Amino acid sequence: MSLEAILSKIEADANKEAAIIRGKAEREKEKEKEKQAGEIEEKRKRNLDRIKTRVQDMQKRKEYHVQRESVRRLLNARRTLIDEAIRKAVTNLSSENSEKYLEMIASLLDNCDIEGEVEVLISSADELRITEKFLEKHSTDSRKYILSDKRHNETGGIIFRAGRISQNGTFPMIAELIHEKLVMELSQIIPLEAD
C-alpha cells in the first residue's frame, strides 16, 4: 500500500470516527437541550403556579377586607337606622293623644317604688296633661305624688324625686335602658343580608 493510500485510509477512518463522535456529541447535545428545555418548562410552570397562588392569596385578602368593611358599614347603617327608629318612637310616644299618654304616665306612677312624699317633674309640653289632680288620683297611702314647679327638658315621661333619691322615668331614659334589647329585636327585623 502506498503512503498516499495509507494516509487516505487514515483520513477516511479518522473522518468516520469523527463523524461517529460528532453524531454521538450531537445526540448528547440534543438530549441535553431537551433536558434543559424540560427543566426550564418545569421551572416556568412552578413559577407560574407560585405567582398564581400569590395572586389568589392577595385577591382573597383583598376580598376579605372588602367584605369586612362592607359588613362594618352595613352594621353602622343598620345601627343608625335602629337608633333613629328608637328616637322617633320616643317622639311618637310623647305625642300620643292625651288618653294613651296618661295611661303610660299612670303605669310609671303605679310602678314607682319610692315611699312617702314624691315630687314629680314633668316636661313643659305636659303641663296641660299631667296635673296635680291626675297625680292625686295615683297617690296611695304609702306614696303621695306632688307636682313639682321644676320641669325637665326630655321628650315625654316623668322624673321622681324624694329627698336625695331620684328616678328618671323619661321616655328617652327608658329607651336608653332598653336600647340594647331593642337593637337585638330590631336586628332580627333588619337583617344584614337579603334572604
Protein backbone atom coordinates (compact mmCIF):
# COMPACT_ATOMS: atom_id res chain seq x y z
CA MET A 1 0.00 0.00 0.00
CA SER A 2 1.31 3.35 -0.89
CA LEU A 3 1.86 6.17 1.51
CA GLU A 4 -0.96 8.08 -0.10
CA ALA A 5 -3.31 5.16 0.25
CA ILE A 6 -2.33 4.77 3.93
CA LEU A 7 -2.84 8.48 4.52
CA SER A 8 -6.13 8.34 2.66
CA LYS A 9 -7.21 5.29 4.70
CA ILE A 10 -6.20 7.01 7.98
CA GLU A 11 -8.01 10.12 6.89
CA ALA A 12 -11.13 8.15 5.95
CA ASP A 13 -11.02 6.21 9.24
CA ALA A 14 -10.46 9.45 11.15
CA ASN A 15 -13.38 11.08 9.31
CA LYS A 16 -15.58 8.05 10.10
CA GLU A 17 -14.51 8.14 13.75
CA ALA A 18 -15.01 11.92 13.83
CA ALA A 19 -18.48 11.50 12.28
CA ILE A 20 -19.38 8.90 14.92
CA ILE A 21 -18.08 11.20 17.69
CA ARG A 22 -19.86 14.19 16.15
CA GLY A 23 -23.09 12.17 15.86
CA LYS A 24 -22.79 10.98 19.43
CA ALA A 25 -21.99 14.53 20.59
CA GLU A 26 -24.90 15.87 18.53
CA ARG A 27 -27.29 13.30 20.12
CA GLU A 28 -25.94 14.15 23.59
CA LYS A 29 -26.28 17.82 22.79
CA GLU A 30 -29.92 17.28 21.69
CA LYS A 31 -30.63 15.19 24.81
CA GLU A 32 -29.10 17.92 26.99
CA LYS A 33 -31.12 20.58 25.15
CA GLU A 34 -34.32 18.57 25.71
CA LYS A 35 -33.40 18.03 29.35
CA GLN A 36 -32.69 21.77 29.79
CA ALA A 37 -35.90 22.67 27.96
CA GLY A 38 -37.83 20.29 30.25
CA GLU A 39 -36.24 21.77 33.38
CA ILE A 40 -36.91 25.30 32.13
CA GLU A 41 -40.54 24.37 31.38
CA GLU A 42 -40.89 22.76 34.82
CA LYS A 43 -39.44 25.89 36.50
CA ARG A 44 -41.72 28.09 34.41
CA LYS A 45 -44.76 26.02 35.49
CA ARG A 46 -43.70 26.14 39.16
CA ASN A 47 -43.13 29.89 38.94
CA LEU A 48 -46.49 30.40 37.24
CA ASP A 49 -48.19 28.27 39.90
CA ARG A 50 -46.43 30.25 42.64
CA ILE A 51 -47.42 33.57 41.04
CA LYS A 52 -50.98 32.32 40.53
CA THR A 53 -51.15 31.23 44.20
CA ARG A 54 -49.79 34.59 45.38
CA VAL A 55 -52.27 36.48 43.20
CA GLN A 56 -55.13 34.31 44.51
CA ASP A 57 -53.97 34.86 48.12
CA MET A 58 -53.74 38.61 47.56
CA GLN A 59 -57.18 38.58 45.95
CA LYS A 60 -58.64 36.59 48.87
CA ARG A 61 -57.11 39.01 51.38
CA LYS A 62 -58.49 41.99 49.48
CA GLU A 63 -61.91 40.33 49.22
CA TYR A 64 -61.82 39.57 52.96
CA HIS A 65 -61.00 43.19 53.81
CA VAL A 66 -63.63 44.50 51.40
CA GLN A 67 -66.16 42.07 52.92
CA ARG A 68 -65.27 43.17 56.47
CA GLU A 69 -65.51 46.84 55.55
CA SER A 70 -68.82 46.19 53.83
CA VAL A 71 -70.20 44.37 56.89
CA ARG A 72 -68.92 47.16 59.17
CA ARG A 73 -70.65 49.79 57.05
CA LEU A 74 -73.86 47.75 56.94
CA LEU A 75 -73.75 47.32 60.73
CA ASN A 76 -73.21 51.06 61.20
CA ALA A 77 -76.02 51.88 58.78
CA ARG A 78 -78.33 49.39 60.49
CA ARG A 79 -77.37 50.75 63.92
CA THR A 80 -78.06 54.32 62.73
CA LEU A 81 -81.38 53.21 61.27
CA ILE A 82 -82.34 51.44 64.51
CA ASP A 83 -81.20 54.38 66.68
CA GLU A 84 -83.29 56.71 64.54
CA ALA A 85 -86.29 54.37 64.79
CA ILE A 86 -85.96 54.35 68.59
CA ARG A 87 -85.64 58.15 68.68
CA LYS A 88 -88.76 58.51 66.51
CA ALA A 89 -90.61 56.02 68.72
CA VAL A 90 -89.78 58.15 71.79
CA THR A 91 -91.04 61.26 69.98
CA ASN A 92 -94.19 59.41 68.87
CA LEU A 93 -94.86 58.20 72.43
CA SER A 94 -94.73 61.74 73.77
CA SER A 95 -97.08 62.98 71.05
CA GLU A 96 -99.74 60.32 71.66
CA ASN A 97 -103.25 61.54 72.38
CA SER A 98 -103.81 62.54 76.00
CA GLU A 99 -105.69 59.39 76.95
CA LYS A 100 -102.97 56.99 75.78
CA TYR A 101 -100.20 59.25 77.04
CA LEU A 102 -101.73 59.46 80.51
CA GLU A 103 -102.09 55.66 80.55
CA MET A 104 -98.31 55.41 80.05
CA ILE A 105 -97.67 58.00 82.76
CA ALA A 106 -100.10 56.18 85.09
CA SER A 107 -98.11 52.99 84.51
CA LEU A 108 -94.91 54.80 85.52
CA LEU A 109 -96.61 56.19 88.62
CA ASP A 110 -98.02 52.79 89.59
CA ASN A 111 -94.59 51.18 89.25
CA CYS A 112 -92.73 53.78 91.29
CA ASP A 113 -91.06 52.15 94.31
CA ILE A 114 -90.29 55.32 96.29
CA GLU A 115 -92.29 55.69 99.51
CA GLY A 116 -93.54 58.88 101.16
CA GLU A 117 -93.85 62.25 99.51
CA VAL A 118 -92.67 62.05 95.90
CA GLU A 119 -92.10 65.15 93.80
CA VAL A 120 -92.95 64.59 90.10
CA LEU A 121 -91.12 66.61 87.44
CA ILE A 122 -92.82 66.84 84.06
CA SER A 123 -91.83 68.46 80.78
CA SER A 124 -93.20 71.87 79.82
CA ALA A 125 -95.13 70.20 76.99
CA ASP A 126 -97.07 68.10 79.54
CA GLU A 127 -98.29 70.94 81.76
CA LEU A 128 -101.85 70.68 80.46
CA ARG A 129 -101.94 66.87 80.56
CA ILE A 130 -100.25 65.92 83.84
CA THR A 131 -101.97 67.86 86.59
CA GLU A 132 -101.93 67.85 90.36
CA LYS A 133 -105.40 66.24 90.27
CA PHE A 134 -104.07 63.42 88.00
CA LEU A 135 -101.18 62.80 90.41
CA GLU A 136 -103.50 62.75 93.45
CA LYS A 137 -105.60 60.09 91.71
CA HIS A 138 -102.49 57.82 91.55
CA SER A 139 -101.25 58.53 95.05
CA THR A 140 -101.57 55.76 97.65
CA ASP A 141 -101.48 55.52 101.42
CA SER A 142 -97.71 54.92 101.28
CA ARG A 143 -96.91 57.35 98.47
CA LYS A 144 -98.14 60.88 97.79
CA TYR A 145 -97.31 62.48 94.44
CA ILE A 146 -96.75 66.23 94.33
CA LEU A 147 -96.39 68.14 91.06
CA SER A 148 -93.03 69.93 91.04
CA ASP A 149 -92.73 73.51 89.84
CA LYS A 150 -89.49 72.47 88.09
CA ARG A 151 -89.58 70.99 84.57
CA HIS A 152 -87.31 68.52 82.81
CA ASN A 153 -86.13 69.01 79.22
CA GLU A 154 -86.65 65.47 77.93
CA THR A 155 -89.23 64.27 75.41
CA GLY A 156 -92.07 62.86 77.50
CA GLY A 157 -92.21 60.90 80.72
CA ILE A 158 -91.58 61.98 84.31
CA ILE A 159 -88.85 62.17 86.93
CA PHE A 160 -89.48 61.17 90.55
CA ARG A 161 -87.71 62.89 93.45
CA ALA A 162 -87.86 62.21 97.16
CA GLY A 163 -85.12 63.89 99.16
CA ARG A 164 -81.80 62.74 97.69
CA ILE A 165 -83.42 59.90 95.72
CA SER A 166 -84.23 60.47 92.07
CA GLN A 167 -85.64 58.10 89.46
CA ASN A 168 -85.69 59.01 85.80
CA GLY A 169 -88.83 57.78 84.05
CA THR A 170 -88.48 59.95 80.95
CA PHE A 171 -89.06 58.20 77.65
CA PRO A 172 -85.51 58.84 76.35
CA MET A 173 -84.06 57.31 79.56
CA ILE A 174 -86.38 54.29 79.35
CA ALA A 175 -85.39 53.85 75.68
CA GLU A 176 -81.72 54.12 76.64
CA LEU A 177 -82.12 51.50 79.36
CA ILE A 178 -83.68 49.00 76.96
CA HIS A 179 -81.71 50.20 73.94
CA GLU A 180 -79.59 47.05 73.51
CA LYS A 181 -82.64 44.79 73.87
CA LEU A 182 -84.47 46.88 71.26
CA VAL A 183 -81.43 46.78 68.95
CA MET A 184 -81.33 42.97 69.21
CA GLU A 185 -85.05 42.68 68.48
CA LEU A 186 -84.97 45.17 65.61
CA SER A 187 -81.85 43.49 64.20
CA GLN A 188 -83.97 40.40 63.60
CA ILE A 189 -86.32 42.55 61.50
CA ILE A 190 -83.50 44.33 59.65
CA PRO A 191 -81.03 41.59 58.64
CA LEU A 192 -77.57 42.30 57.23
CA GLU A 193 -78.12 40.32 54.05
CA ALA A 194 -81.16 39.72 51.92
CA ASP A 195 -82.63 36.22 52.20
